[in-house]
Amino acid sequence: FNSLLDEIKSSRVKKIISILQAARSKTLKPWKELDGRITIAAN
């Protein structure tokens, strides 16, 4: 889970997410939910 978190927090992923945020993409809602679940599992 720490490896997965490192990947999610990488600059490459952050750039893609920020582009999709600017475009108001609907794919971000499930993404944010999974990001939270991964963080909880890692903790």
Full PDB file with SEQRES, HELIX, SHEET, SSBOND, CRYST1, ORIGX, SCALE, CONECT and MASTER records, all heavy atoms in Angstrom:
SEQRES   1 A   43  PHE ASN SER LEU LEU ASP GLU ILE LYS SER SER ARG VAL          
SEQRES   2 A   43  LYS LYS ILE ILE SER ILE LEU GLN ALA ALA ARG SER LYS          
SEQRES   3 A   43  THR LEU LYS PRO TRP LYS GLU LEU ASP GLY ARG ILE THR          
SEQRES   4 A   43  ILE ALA ALA ASN                                              
HELIX    1 AA1 ASN A    2  ILE A    8  1                                   7    
HELIX    2 AA2 SER A   11  ALA A   22  1                                  12    
HELIX    3 AA3 LEU A   28  ALA A   42  1                                  15    
CRYST1    1.000    1.000    1.000  90.00  90.00  90.00 P 1           1          
ORIGX1      1.000000  0.000000  0.000000        0.00000                         
ORIGX2      0.000000  1.000000  0.000000        0.00000                         
ORIGX3      0.000000  0.000000  1.000000        0.00000                         
SCALE1      1.000000  0.000000  0.000000        0.00000                         
SCALE2      0.000000  1.000000  0.000000        0.00000                         
SCALE3      0.000000  0.000000  1.000000        0.00000                         
ATOM      1  N   PHE A   1       0.815  -1.216   0.000  1.00  0.00           N  
ATOM      2  CA  PHE A   1       0.000   0.000   0.000  1.00  0.00           C  
ATOM      3  C   PHE A   1       0.848   1.266   0.000  1.00  0.00           C  
ATOM      4  O   PHE A   1       0.458   2.270  -0.601  1.00  0.00           O  
ATOM      5  CB  PHE A   1      -0.990  -0.010   1.167  1.00  0.00           C  
ATOM      6  CG  PHE A   1      -2.174  -0.891   0.899  1.00  0.00           C  
ATOM      7  CD1 PHE A   1      -2.415  -2.013   1.671  1.00  0.00           C  
ATOM      8  CD2 PHE A   1      -3.048  -0.610  -0.143  1.00  0.00           C  
ATOM      9  CE1 PHE A   1      -3.503  -2.833   1.413  1.00  0.00           C  
ATOM     10  CE2 PHE A   1      -4.141  -1.422  -0.408  1.00  0.00           C  
ATOM     11  CZ  PHE A   1      -4.365  -2.537   0.374  1.00  0.00           C  
ATOM     12  N   ASN A   2       2.014   1.217   0.647  1.00  0.00           N  
ATOM     13  CA  ASN A   2       2.897   2.397   0.586  1.00  0.00           C  
ATOM     14  C   ASN A   2       3.414   2.618  -0.831  1.00  0.00           C  
ATOM     15  O   ASN A   2       3.510   3.763  -1.287  1.00  0.00           O  
ATOM     16  CB  ASN A   2       4.051   2.257   1.571  1.00  0.00           C  
ATOM     17  CG  ASN A   2       3.622   2.527   2.995  1.00  0.00           C  
ATOM     18  OD1 ASN A   2       2.576   3.118   3.239  1.00  0.00           O  
ATOM     19  ND2 ASN A   2       4.423   2.093   3.937  1.00  0.00           N  
ATOM     20  N   SER A   3       3.725   1.537  -1.533  1.00  0.00           N  
ATOM     21  CA  SER A   3       4.154   1.671  -2.935  1.00  0.00           C  
ATOM     22  C   SER A   3       3.035   2.249  -3.783  1.00  0.00           C  
ATOM     23  O   SER A   3       3.268   3.116  -4.632  1.00  0.00           O  
ATOM     24  CB  SER A   3       4.569   0.315  -3.503  1.00  0.00           C  
ATOM     25  OG  SER A   3       5.690  -0.178  -2.852  1.00  0.00           O  
ATOM     26  N   LEU A   4       1.840   1.778  -3.557  1.00  0.00           N  
ATOM     27  CA  LEU A   4       0.685   2.285  -4.293  1.00  0.00           C  
ATOM     28  C   LEU A   4       0.454   3.764  -3.983  1.00  0.00           C  
ATOM     29  O   LEU A   4       0.208   4.566  -4.892  1.00  0.00           O  
ATOM     30  CB  LEU A   4      -0.551   1.460  -3.944  1.00  0.00           C  
ATOM     31  CG  LEU A   4      -1.800   1.660  -4.779  1.00  0.00           C  
ATOM     32  CD1 LEU A   4      -1.518   1.533  -6.273  1.00  0.00           C  
ATOM     33  CD2 LEU A   4      -2.860   0.653  -4.374  1.00  0.00           C  
ATOM     34  N   LEU A   5       0.577   4.145  -2.712  1.00  0.00           N  
ATOM     35  CA  LEU A   5       0.438   5.557  -2.341  1.00  0.00           C  
ATOM     36  C   LEU A   5       1.516   6.412  -2.998  1.00  0.00           C  
ATOM     37  O   LEU A   5       1.228   7.520  -3.469  1.00  0.00           O  
ATOM     38  CB  LEU A   5       0.529   5.720  -0.824  1.00  0.00           C  
ATOM     39  CG  LEU A   5      -0.759   5.621  -0.039  1.00  0.00           C  
ATOM     40  CD1 LEU A   5      -0.490   5.831   1.446  1.00  0.00           C  
ATOM     41  CD2 LEU A   5      -1.801   6.593  -0.526  1.00  0.00           C  
ATOM     42  N   ASP A   6       2.752   5.913  -3.011  1.00  0.00           N  
ATOM     43  CA  ASP A   6       3.840   6.651  -3.662  1.00  0.00           C  
ATOM     44  C   ASP A   6       3.519   6.894  -5.131  1.00  0.00           C  
ATOM     45  O   ASP A   6       3.764   7.979  -5.661  1.00  0.00           O  
ATOM     46  CB  ASP A   6       5.170   5.899  -3.539  1.00  0.00           C  
ATOM     47  CG  ASP A   6       5.718   5.909  -2.119  1.00  0.00           C  
ATOM     48  OD1 ASP A   6       5.241   6.724  -1.298  1.00  0.00           O  
ATOM     49  OD2 ASP A   6       6.620   5.092  -1.846  1.00  0.00           O  
ATOM     50  N   GLU A   7       2.969   5.882  -5.784  1.00  0.00           N  
ATOM     51  CA  GLU A   7       2.615   6.008  -7.196  1.00  0.00           C  
ATOM     52  C   GLU A   7       1.487   7.017  -7.389  1.00  0.00           C  
ATOM     53  O   GLU A   7       1.541   7.865  -8.276  1.00  0.00           O  
ATOM     54  CB  GLU A   7       2.204   4.642  -7.756  1.00  0.00           C  
ATOM     55  CG  GLU A   7       2.028   4.606  -9.247  1.00  0.00           C  
ATOM     56  CD  GLU A   7       3.306   4.854 -10.026  1.00  0.00           C  
ATOM     57  OE1 GLU A   7       4.397   4.488  -9.558  1.00  0.00           O  
ATOM     58  OE2 GLU A   7       3.206   5.438 -11.124  1.00  0.00           O  
ATOM     59  N   ILE A   8       0.481   6.942  -6.538  1.00  0.00           N  
ATOM     60  CA  ILE A   8      -0.659   7.866  -6.635  1.00  0.00           C  
ATOM     61  C   ILE A   8      -0.220   9.309  -6.411  1.00  0.00           C  
ATOM     62  O   ILE A   8      -0.751  10.230  -7.011  1.00  0.00           O  
ATOM     63  CB  ILE A   8      -1.755   7.467  -5.619  1.00  0.00           C  
ATOM     64  CG1 ILE A   8      -2.454   6.193  -6.083  1.00  0.00           C  
ATOM     65  CG2 ILE A   8      -2.780   8.568  -5.422  1.00  0.00           C  
ATOM     66  CD1 ILE A   8      -3.424   5.616  -5.073  1.00  0.00           C  
ATOM     67  N   LYS A   9       0.774   9.485  -5.566  1.00  0.00           N  
ATOM     68  CA  LYS A   9       1.230  10.832  -5.233  1.00  0.00           C  
ATOM     69  C   LYS A   9       2.376  11.308  -6.138  1.00  0.00           C  
ATOM     70  O   LYS A   9       2.904  12.398  -5.939  1.00  0.00           O  
ATOM     71  CB  LYS A   9       1.645  10.883  -3.765  1.00  0.00           C  
ATOM     72  CG  LYS A   9       0.462  10.532  -2.862  1.00  0.00           C  
ATOM     73  CD  LYS A   9       0.571  11.067  -1.502  1.00  0.00           C  
ATOM     74  CE  LYS A   9      -0.579  10.687  -0.610  1.00  0.00           C  
ATOM     75  NZ  LYS A   9      -1.894  10.838  -1.097  1.00  0.00           N  
ATOM     76  N   SER A  10       2.713  10.513  -7.139  1.00  0.00           N  
ATOM     77  CA  SER A  10       3.793  10.907  -8.052  1.00  0.00           C  
ATOM     78  C   SER A  10       3.377  12.119  -8.876  1.00  0.00           C  
ATOM     79  O   SER A  10       2.186  12.389  -9.080  1.00  0.00           O  
ATOM     80  CB  SER A  10       4.163   9.746  -8.979  1.00  0.00           C  
ATOM     81  OG  SER A  10       3.134   9.523  -9.910  1.00  0.00           O  
ATOM     82  N   SER A  11       4.355  12.844  -9.367  1.00  0.00           N  
ATOM     83  CA  SER A  11       4.065  14.066 -10.132  1.00  0.00           C  
ATOM     84  C   SER A  11       3.292  13.749 -11.413  1.00  0.00           C  
ATOM     85  O   SER A  11       2.412  14.511 -11.816  1.00  0.00           O  
ATOM     86  CB  SER A  11       5.356  14.819 -10.449  1.00  0.00           C  
ATOM     87  OG  SER A  11       6.209  14.013 -11.233  1.00  0.00           O  
ATOM     88  N   ARG A  12       3.578  12.628 -12.029  1.00  0.00           N  
ATOM     89  CA  ARG A  12       2.881  12.228 -13.261  1.00  0.00           C  
ATOM     90  C   ARG A  12       1.389  12.073 -13.007  1.00  0.00           C  
ATOM     91  O   ARG A  12       0.557  12.589 -13.757  1.00  0.00           O  
ATOM     92  CB  ARG A  12       3.502  10.916 -13.772  1.00  0.00           C  
ATOM     93  CG  ARG A  12       2.863  10.329 -15.010  1.00  0.00           C  
ATOM     94  CD  ARG A  12       3.595   9.055 -15.425  1.00  0.00           C  
ATOM     95  NE  ARG A  12       3.492   8.012 -14.423  1.00  0.00           N  
ATOM     96  CZ  ARG A  12       2.675   6.971 -14.513  1.00  0.00           C  
ATOM     97  NH1 ARG A  12       1.918   6.815 -15.572  1.00  0.00           N  
ATOM     98  NH2 ARG A  12       2.624   6.067 -13.570  1.00  0.00           N  
ATOM     99  N   VAL A  13       1.043  11.369 -11.946  1.00  0.00           N  
ATOM    100  CA  VAL A  13      -0.368  11.157 -11.622  1.00  0.00           C  
ATOM    101  C   VAL A  13      -1.017  12.475 -11.210  1.00  0.00           C  
ATOM    102  O   VAL A  13      -2.137  12.783 -11.625  1.00  0.00           O  
ATOM    103  CB  VAL A  13      -0.526  10.082 -10.519  1.00  0.00           C  
ATOM    104  CG1 VAL A  13      -1.960   9.988 -10.042  1.00  0.00           C  
ATOM    105  CG2 VAL A  13      -0.040   8.731 -11.026  1.00  0.00           C  
ATOM    106  N   LYS A  14      -0.308  13.265 -10.410  1.00  0.00           N  
ATOM    107  CA  LYS A  14      -0.857  14.556  -9.978  1.00  0.00           C  
ATOM    108  C   LYS A  14      -1.166  15.463 -11.168  1.00  0.00           C  
ATOM    109  O   LYS A  14      -2.180  16.167 -11.165  1.00  0.00           O  
ATOM    110  CB  LYS A  14       0.106  15.253  -9.016  1.00  0.00           C  
ATOM    111  CG  LYS A  14       0.081  14.673  -7.620  1.00  0.00           C  
ATOM    112  CD  LYS A  14       1.005  15.459  -6.716  1.00  0.00           C  
ATOM    113  CE  LYS A  14       0.930  14.947  -5.296  1.00  0.00           C  
ATOM    114  NZ  LYS A  14       1.796  15.688  -4.386  1.00  0.00           N  
ATOM    115  N   LYS A  15      -0.308  15.441 -12.177  1.00  0.00           N  
ATOM    116  CA  LYS A  15      -0.542  16.270 -13.373  1.00  0.00           C  
ATOM    117  C   LYS A  15      -1.821  15.831 -14.087  1.00  0.00           C  
ATOM    118  O   LYS A  15      -2.644  16.654 -14.487  1.00  0.00           O  
ATOM    119  CB  LYS A  15       0.646  16.180 -14.334  1.00  0.00           C  
ATOM    120  CG  LYS A  15       1.854  16.956 -13.879  1.00  0.00           C  
ATOM    121  CD  LYS A  15       3.022  16.743 -14.828  1.00  0.00           C  
ATOM    122  CE  LYS A  15       4.289  17.347 -14.247  1.00  0.00           C  
ATOM    123  NZ  LYS A  15       5.481  16.996 -15.014  1.00  0.00           N  
ATOM    124  N   ILE A  16      -1.967  14.530 -14.242  1.00  0.00           N  
ATOM    125  CA  ILE A  16      -3.162  14.012 -14.927  1.00  0.00           C  
ATOM    126  C   ILE A  16      -4.419  14.372 -14.140  1.00  0.00           C  
ATOM    127  O   ILE A  16      -5.418  14.825 -14.717  1.00  0.00           O  
ATOM    128  CB  ILE A  16      -3.039  12.477 -15.138  1.00  0.00           C  
ATOM    129  CG1 ILE A  16      -1.941  12.193 -16.167  1.00  0.00           C  
ATOM    130  CG2 ILE A  16      -4.371  11.878 -15.566  1.00  0.00           C  
ATOM    131  CD1 ILE A  16      -1.592  10.734 -16.324  1.00  0.00           C  
ATOM    132  N   ILE A  17      -4.367  14.212 -12.833  1.00  0.00           N  
ATOM    133  CA  ILE A  17      -5.532  14.524 -11.994  1.00  0.00           C  
ATOM    134  C   ILE A  17      -5.854  16.019 -12.064  1.00  0.00           C  
ATOM    135  O   ILE A  17      -7.024  16.400 -12.168  1.00  0.00           O  
ATOM    136  CB  ILE A  17      -5.306  14.070 -10.536  1.00  0.00           C  
ATOM    137  CG1 ILE A  17      -5.126  12.552 -10.464  1.00  0.00           C  
ATOM    138  CG2 ILE A  17      -6.428  14.538  -9.619  1.00  0.00           C  
ATOM    139  CD1 ILE A  17      -6.252  11.728 -11.030  1.00  0.00           C  
ATOM    140  N   SER A  18      -4.835  16.855 -12.050  1.00  0.00           N  
ATOM    141  CA  SER A  18      -5.106  18.301 -12.107  1.00  0.00           C  
ATOM    142  C   SER A  18      -5.697  18.706 -13.462  1.00  0.00           C  
ATOM    143  O   SER A  18      -6.575  19.571 -13.528  1.00  0.00           O  
ATOM    144  CB  SER A  18      -3.856  19.116 -11.775  1.00  0.00           C  
ATOM    145  OG  SER A  18      -2.846  18.886 -12.719  1.00  0.00           O  
ATOM    146  N   ILE A  19      -5.268  18.070 -14.539  1.00  0.00           N  
ATOM    147  CA  ILE A  19      -5.856  18.344 -15.864  1.00  0.00           C  
ATOM    148  C   ILE A  19      -7.331  17.941 -15.859  1.00  0.00           C  
ATOM    149  O   ILE A  19      -8.195  18.680 -16.341  1.00  0.00           O  
ATOM    150  CB  ILE A  19      -5.084  17.610 -16.985  1.00  0.00           C  
ATOM    151  CG1 ILE A  19      -3.693  18.212 -17.157  1.00  0.00           C  
ATOM    152  CG2 ILE A  19      -5.860  17.649 -18.299  1.00  0.00           C  
ATOM    153  CD1 ILE A  19      -2.753  17.392 -18.026  1.00  0.00           C  
ATOM    154  N   LEU A  20      -7.616  16.780 -15.285  1.00  0.00           N  
ATOM    155  CA  LEU A  20      -9.004  16.313 -15.231  1.00  0.00           C  
ATOM    156  C   LEU A  20      -9.856  17.175 -14.287  1.00  0.00           C  
ATOM    157  O   LEU A  20     -11.053  17.354 -14.522  1.00  0.00           O  
ATOM    158  CB  LEU A  20      -9.061  14.845 -14.829  1.00  0.00           C  
ATOM    159  CG  LEU A  20      -8.509  13.865 -15.874  1.00  0.00           C  
ATOM    160  CD1 LEU A  20      -8.539  12.438 -15.344  1.00  0.00           C  
ATOM    161  CD2 LEU A  20      -9.262  13.972 -17.185  1.00  0.00           C  
ATOM    162  N   GLN A  21      -9.243  17.713 -13.250  1.00  0.00           N  
ATOM    163  CA  GLN A  21      -9.971  18.628 -12.367  1.00  0.00           C  
ATOM    164  C   GLN A  21     -10.354  19.899 -13.128  1.00  0.00           C  
ATOM    165  O   GLN A  21     -11.481  20.376 -13.013  1.00  0.00           O  
ATOM    166  CB  GLN A  21      -9.127  18.991 -11.144  1.00  0.00           C  
ATOM    167  CG  GLN A  21      -9.087  17.900 -10.104  1.00  0.00           C  
ATOM    168  CD  GLN A  21      -8.108  18.188  -8.983  1.00  0.00           C  
ATOM    169  OE1 GLN A  21      -7.132  18.911  -9.150  1.00  0.00           O  
ATOM    170  NE2 GLN A  21      -8.364  17.589  -7.817  1.00  0.00           N  
ATOM    171  N   ALA A  22      -9.412  20.409 -13.898  1.00  0.00           N  
ATOM    172  CA  ALA A  22      -9.690  21.612 -14.692  1.00  0.00           C  
ATOM    173  C   ALA A  22     -10.799  21.349 -15.708  1.00  0.00           C  
ATOM    174  O   ALA A  22     -11.603  22.234 -16.002  1.00  0.00           O  
ATOM    175  CB  ALA A  22      -8.421  22.077 -15.393  1.00  0.00           C  
ATOM    176  N   ALA A  23     -10.848  20.117 -16.216  1.00  0.00           N  
ATOM    177  CA  ALA A  23     -11.873  19.750 -17.204  1.00  0.00           C  
ATOM    178  C   ALA A  23     -13.178  19.309 -16.521  1.00  0.00           C  
ATOM    179  O   ALA A  23     -14.136  18.969 -17.210  1.00  0.00           O  
ATOM    180  CB  ALA A  23     -11.349  18.631 -18.100  1.00  0.00           C  
ATOM    181  N   ARG A  24     -13.191  19.305 -15.179  1.00  0.00           N  
ATOM    182  CA  ARG A  24     -14.362  18.880 -14.400  1.00  0.00           C  
ATOM    183  C   ARG A  24     -14.825  17.472 -14.787  1.00  0.00           C  
ATOM    184  O   ARG A  24     -16.008  17.219 -15.016  1.00  0.00           O  
ATOM    185  CB  ARG A  24     -15.504  19.875 -14.533  1.00  0.00           C  
ATOM    186  CG  ARG A  24     -15.154  21.261 -14.052  1.00  0.00           C  
ATOM    187  CD  ARG A  24     -16.401  22.134 -14.018  1.00  0.00           C  
ATOM    188  NE  ARG A  24     -16.105  23.535 -13.814  1.00  0.00           N  
ATOM    189  CZ  ARG A  24     -15.856  24.101 -12.640  1.00  0.00           C  
ATOM    190  NH1 ARG A  24     -15.824  23.377 -11.560  1.00  0.00           N  
ATOM    191  NH2 ARG A  24     -15.634  25.391 -12.554  1.00  0.00           N  
ATOM    192  N   SER A  25     -13.860  16.568 -14.847  1.00  0.00           N  
ATOM    193  CA  SER A  25     -14.140  15.187 -15.245  1.00  0.00           C  
ATOM    194  C   SER A  25     -14.919  14.444 -14.165  1.00  0.00           C  
ATOM    195  O   SER A  25     -14.669  14.596 -12.972  1.00  0.00           O  
ATOM    196  CB  SER A  25     -12.826  14.452 -15.515  1.00  0.00           C  
ATOM    197  OG  SER A  25     -13.059  13.088 -15.701  1.00  0.00           O  
ATOM    198  N   LYS A  26     -15.852  13.620 -14.609  1.00  0.00           N  
ATOM    199  CA  LYS A  26     -16.648  12.806 -13.684  1.00  0.00           C  
ATOM    200  C   LYS A  26     -15.870  11.580 -13.181  1.00  0.00           C  
ATOM    201  O   LYS A  26     -16.314  10.908 -12.263  1.00  0.00           O  
ATOM    202  CB  LYS A  26     -17.941  12.364 -14.364  1.00  0.00           C  
ATOM    203  CG  LYS A  26     -18.884  13.529 -14.642  1.00  0.00           C  
ATOM    204  CD  LYS A  26     -20.223  13.013 -15.118  1.00  0.00           C  
ATOM    205  CE  LYS A  26     -21.176  14.061 -15.585  1.00  0.00           C  
ATOM    206  NZ  LYS A  26     -21.263  15.283 -14.853  1.00  0.00           N  
ATOM    207  N   THR A  27     -14.730  11.281 -13.789  1.00  0.00           N  
ATOM    208  CA  THR A  27     -13.938  10.123 -13.345  1.00  0.00           C  
ATOM    209  C   THR A  27     -13.225  10.402 -12.018  1.00  0.00           C  
ATOM    210  O   THR A  27     -12.701   9.472 -11.402  1.00  0.00           O  
ATOM    211  CB  THR A  27     -12.876   9.729 -14.395  1.00  0.00           C  
ATOM    212  OG1 THR A  27     -12.011  10.847 -14.615  1.00  0.00           O  
ATOM    213  CG2 THR A  27     -13.515   9.280 -15.690  1.00  0.00           C  
ATOM    214  N   LEU A  28     -13.215  11.646 -11.591  1.00  0.00           N  
ATOM    215  CA  LEU A  28     -12.469  11.988 -10.377  1.00  0.00           C  
ATOM    216  C   LEU A  28     -13.173  11.571  -9.088  1.00  0.00           C  
ATOM    217  O   LEU A  28     -12.510  11.304  -8.093  1.00  0.00           O  
ATOM    218  CB  LEU A  28     -12.165  13.489 -10.341  1.00  0.00           C  
ATOM    219  CG  LEU A  28     -11.150  13.945 -11.382  1.00  0.00           C  
ATOM    220  CD1 LEU A  28     -10.888  15.423 -11.255  1.00  0.00           C  
ATOM    221  CD2 LEU A  28      -9.846  13.169 -11.256  1.00  0.00           C  
ATOM    222  N   LYS A  29     -14.493  11.492  -9.111  1.00  0.00           N  
ATOM    223  CA  LYS A  29     -15.211  11.104  -7.887  1.00  0.00           C  
ATOM    224  C   LYS A  29     -14.810   9.694  -7.430  1.00  0.00           C  
ATOM    225  O   LYS A  29     -14.408   9.510  -6.281  1.00  0.00           O  
ATOM    226  CB  LYS A  29     -16.721  11.226  -8.079  1.00  0.00           C  
ATOM    227  CG  LYS A  29     -17.487  10.990  -6.802  1.00  0.00           C  
ATOM    228  CD  LYS A  29     -18.967  11.175  -6.982  1.00  0.00           C  
ATOM    229  CE  LYS A  29     -19.654  10.890  -5.655  1.00  0.00           C  
ATOM    230  NZ  LYS A  29     -21.098  10.930  -5.774  1.00  0.00           N  
ATOM    231  N   PRO A  30     -14.888   8.685  -8.330  1.00  0.00           N  
ATOM    232  CA  PRO A  30     -14.437   7.353  -7.884  1.00  0.00           C  
ATOM    233  C   PRO A  30     -12.938   7.318  -7.571  1.00  0.00           C  
ATOM    234  O   PRO A  30     -12.493   6.591  -6.681  1.00  0.00           O  
ATOM    235  CB  PRO A  30     -14.774   6.425  -9.048  1.00  0.00           C  
ATOM    236  CG  PRO A  30     -15.299   7.258 -10.154  1.00  0.00           C  
ATOM    237  CD  PRO A  30     -15.476   8.649  -9.657  1.00  0.00           C  
ATOM    238  N   TRP A  31     -12.164   8.112  -8.280  1.00  0.00           N  
ATOM    239  CA  TRP A  31     -10.722   8.172  -8.041  1.00  0.00           C  
ATOM    240  C   TRP A  31     -10.438   8.667  -6.629  1.00  0.00           C  
ATOM    241  O   TRP A  31      -9.637   8.087  -5.898  1.00  0.00           O  
ATOM    242  CB  TRP A  31     -10.046   9.077  -9.077  1.00  0.00           C  
ATOM    243  CG  TRP A  31      -8.606   9.304  -8.779  1.00  0.00           C  
ATOM    244  CD1 TRP A  31      -8.043  10.399  -8.197  1.00  0.00           C  
ATOM    245  CD2 TRP A  31      -7.526   8.392  -9.007  1.00  0.00           C  
ATOM    246  NE1 TRP A  31      -6.695  10.229  -8.058  1.00  0.00           N  
ATOM    247  CE2 TRP A  31      -6.359   9.006  -8.547  1.00  0.00           C  
ATOM    248  CE3 TRP A  31      -7.458   7.123  -9.567  1.00  0.00           C  
ATOM    249  CZ2 TRP A  31      -5.119   8.387  -8.635  1.00  0.00           C  
ATOM    250  CZ3 TRP A  31      -6.215   6.506  -9.635  1.00  0.00           C  
ATOM    251  CH2 TRP A  31      -5.067   7.142  -9.177  1.00  0.00           C  
ATOM    252  N   LYS A  32     -11.097   9.751  -6.228  1.00  0.00           N  
ATOM    253  CA  LYS A  32     -10.880  10.322  -4.891  1.00  0.00           C  
ATOM    254  C   LYS A  32     -11.320   9.343  -3.807  1.00  0.00           C  
ATOM    255  O   LYS A  32     -10.673   9.233  -2.761  1.00  0.00           O  
ATOM    256  CB  LYS A  32     -11.620  11.649  -4.752  1.00  0.00           C  
ATOM    257  CG  LYS A  32     -10.958  12.768  -5.522  1.00  0.00           C  
ATOM    258  CD  LYS A  32     -11.702  14.074  -5.372  1.00  0.00           C  
ATOM    259  CE  LYS A  32     -11.013  15.158  -6.201  1.00  0.00           C  
ATOM    260  NZ  LYS A  32     -11.754  16.412  -6.193  1.00  0.00           N  
ATOM    261  N   GLU A  33     -12.411   8.622  -4.054  1.00  0.00           N  
ATOM    262  CA  GLU A  33     -12.889   7.637  -3.091  1.00  0.00           C  
ATOM    263  C   GLU A  33     -11.849   6.526  -2.914  1.00  0.00           C  
ATOM    264  O   GLU A  33     -11.516   6.129  -1.799  1.00  0.00           O  
ATOM    265  CB  GLU A  33     -14.233   7.069  -3.571  1.00  0.00           C  
ATOM    266  CG  GLU A  33     -14.876   6.083  -2.618  1.00  0.00           C  
ATOM    267  CD  GLU A  33     -14.760   4.647  -3.097  1.00  0.00           C  
ATOM    268  OE1 GLU A  33     -14.664   4.427  -4.313  1.00  0.00           O  
ATOM    269  OE2 GLU A  33     -14.720   3.745  -2.247  1.00  0.00           O  
ATOM    270  N   LEU A  34     -11.281   6.058  -4.017  1.00  0.00           N  
ATOM    271  CA  LEU A  34     -10.256   5.001  -3.942  1.00  0.00           C  
ATOM    272  C   LEU A  34      -8.975   5.518  -3.297  1.00  0.00           C  
ATOM    273  O   LEU A  34      -8.329   4.793  -2.535  1.00  0.00           O  
ATOM    274  CB  LEU A  34      -9.951   4.456  -5.340  1.00  0.00           C  
ATOM    275  CG  LEU A  34     -11.001   3.528  -5.911  1.00  0.00           C  
ATOM    276  CD1 LEU A  34     -10.634   3.128  -7.337  1.00  0.00           C  
ATOM    277  CD2 LEU A  34     -11.155   2.281  -5.061  1.00  0.00           C  
ATOM    278  N   ASP A  35      -8.621   6.746  -3.596  1.00  0.00           N  
ATOM    279  CA  ASP A  35      -7.438   7.357  -2.991  1.00  0.00           C  
ATOM    280  C   ASP A  35      -7.597   7.352  -1.464  1.00  0.00           C  
ATOM    281  O   ASP A  35      -6.667   6.999  -0.730  1.00  0.00           O  
ATOM    282  CB  ASP A  35      -7.265   8.784  -3.519  1.00  0.00           C  
ATOM    283  CG  ASP A  35      -5.973   9.441  -3.064  1.00  0.00           C  
ATOM    284  OD1 ASP A  35      -5.122   8.764  -2.453  1.00  0.00           O  
ATOM    285  OD2 ASP A  35      -5.807  10.645  -3.327  1.00  0.00           O  
ATOM    286  N   GLY A  36      -8.780   7.689  -0.990  1.00  0.00           N  
ATOM    287  CA  GLY A  36      -9.048   7.671   0.447  1.00  0.00           C  
ATOM    288  C   GLY A  36      -8.969   6.273   1.025  1.00  0.00           C  
ATOM    289  O   GLY A  36      -8.418   6.069   2.110  1.00  0.00           O  
ATOM    290  N   ARG A  37      -9.524   5.302   0.306  1.00  0.00           N  
ATOM    291  CA  ARG A  37      -9.492   3.910   0.787  1.00  0.00           C  
ATOM    292  C   ARG A  37      -8.059   3.380   0.840  1.00  0.00           C  
ATOM    293  O   ARG A  37      -7.702   2.641   1.771  1.00  0.00           O  
ATOM    294  CB  ARG A  37     -10.355   3.022  -0.103  1.00  0.00           C  
ATOM    295  CG  ARG A  37     -11.853   3.249   0.140  1.00  0.00           C  
ATOM    296  CD  ARG A  37     -12.729   2.418  -0.761  1.00  0.00           C  
ATOM    297  NE  ARG A  37     -12.497   0.990  -0.603  1.00  0.00           N  
ATOM    298  CZ  ARG A  37     -12.898   0.075  -1.469  1.00  0.00           C  
ATOM    299  NH1 ARG A  37     -13.564   0.426  -2.557  1.00  0.00           N  
ATOM    300  NH2 ARG A  37     -12.643  -1.209  -1.257  1.00  0.00           N  
ATOM    301  N   ILE A  38      -7.255   3.728  -0.149  1.00  0.00           N  
ATOM    302  CA  ILE A  38      -5.847   3.304  -0.151  1.00  0.00           C  
ATOM    303  C   ILE A  38      -5.108   3.924   1.031  1.00  0.00           C  
ATOM    304  O   ILE A  38      -4.317   3.266   1.713  1.00  0.00           O  
ATOM    305  CB  ILE A  38      -5.152   3.687  -1.484  1.00  0.00           C  
ATOM    306  CG1 ILE A  38      -5.715   2.866  -2.638  1.00  0.00           C  
ATOM    307  CG2 ILE A  38      -3.641   3.549  -1.393  1.00  0.00           C  
ATOM    308  CD1 ILE A  38      -5.399   1.393  -2.578  1.00  0.00           C  
ATOM    309  N   THR A  39      -5.363   5.186   1.286  1.00  0.00           N  
ATOM    310  CA  THR A  39      -4.718   5.869   2.409  1.00  0.00           C  
ATOM    311  C   THR A  39      -5.097   5.196   3.729  1.00  0.00           C  
ATOM    312  O   THR A  39      -4.233   4.948   4.579  1.00  0.00           O  
ATOM    313  CB  THR A  39      -5.111   7.362   2.431  1.00  0.00           C  
ATOM    314  OG1 THR A  39      -4.702   7.952   1.187  1.00  0.00           O  
ATOM    315  CG2 THR A  39      -4.455   8.098   3.580  1.00  0.00           C  
ATOM    316  N   ILE A  40      -6.368   4.868   3.893  1.00  0.00           N  
ATOM    317  CA  ILE A  40      -6.819   4.183   5.110  1.00  0.00           C  
ATOM    318  C   ILE A  40      -6.154   2.815   5.231  1.00  0.00           C  
ATOM    319  O   ILE A  40      -5.672   2.438   6.307  1.00  0.00           O  
ATOM    320  CB  ILE A  40      -8.353   4.062   5.129  1.00  0.00           C  
ATOM    321  CG1 ILE A  40      -8.976   5.439   5.351  1.00  0.00           C  
ATOM    322  CG2 ILE A  40      -8.818   3.073   6.208  1.00  0.00           C  
ATOM    323  CD1 ILE A  40     -10.479   5.482   5.106  1.00  0.00           C  
ATOM    324  N   ALA A  41      -6.100   2.058   4.138  1.00  0.00           N  
ATOM    325  CA  ALA A  41      -5.480   0.725   4.161  1.00  0.00           C  
ATOM    326  C   ALA A  41      -3.992   0.822   4.499  1.00  0.00           C  
ATOM    327  O   ALA A  41      -3.467   0.001   5.264  1.00  0.00           O  
ATOM    328  CB  ALA A  41      -5.680   0.023   2.825  1.00  0.00           C  
ATOM    329  N   ALA A  42      -3.302   1.814   3.943  1.00  0.00           N  
ATOM    330  CA  ALA A  42      -1.878   2.005   4.235  1.00  0.00           C  
ATOM    331  C   ALA A  42      -1.682   2.374   5.704  1.00  0.00           C  
ATOM    332  O   ALA A  42      -0.774   1.859   6.366  1.00  0.00           O  
ATOM    333  CB  ALA A  42      -1.286   3.078   3.327  1.00  0.00           C  
ATOM    334  N   ASN A  43      -2.534   3.249   6.225  1.00  0.00           N  
ATOM    335  CA  ASN A  43      -2.438   3.639   7.637  1.00  0.00           C  
ATOM    336  C   ASN A  43      -2.719   2.458   8.556  1.00  0.00           C  
ATOM    337  O   ASN A  43      -2.048   2.277   9.574  1.00  0.00           O  
ATOM    338  CB  ASN A  43      -3.401   4.787   7.944  1.00  0.00           C  
ATOM    339  CG  ASN A  43      -2.952   6.095   7.342  1.00  0.00           C  
ATOM    340  OD1 ASN A  43      -1.789   6.273   6.994  1.00  0.00           O  
ATOM    341  ND2 ASN A  43      -3.884   7.023   7.179  1.00  0.00           N  
TER     342      ASN A  43                                                      
MASTER        0    0    0    3    0    0    0    6  341    1    0    4          
END                                                                             
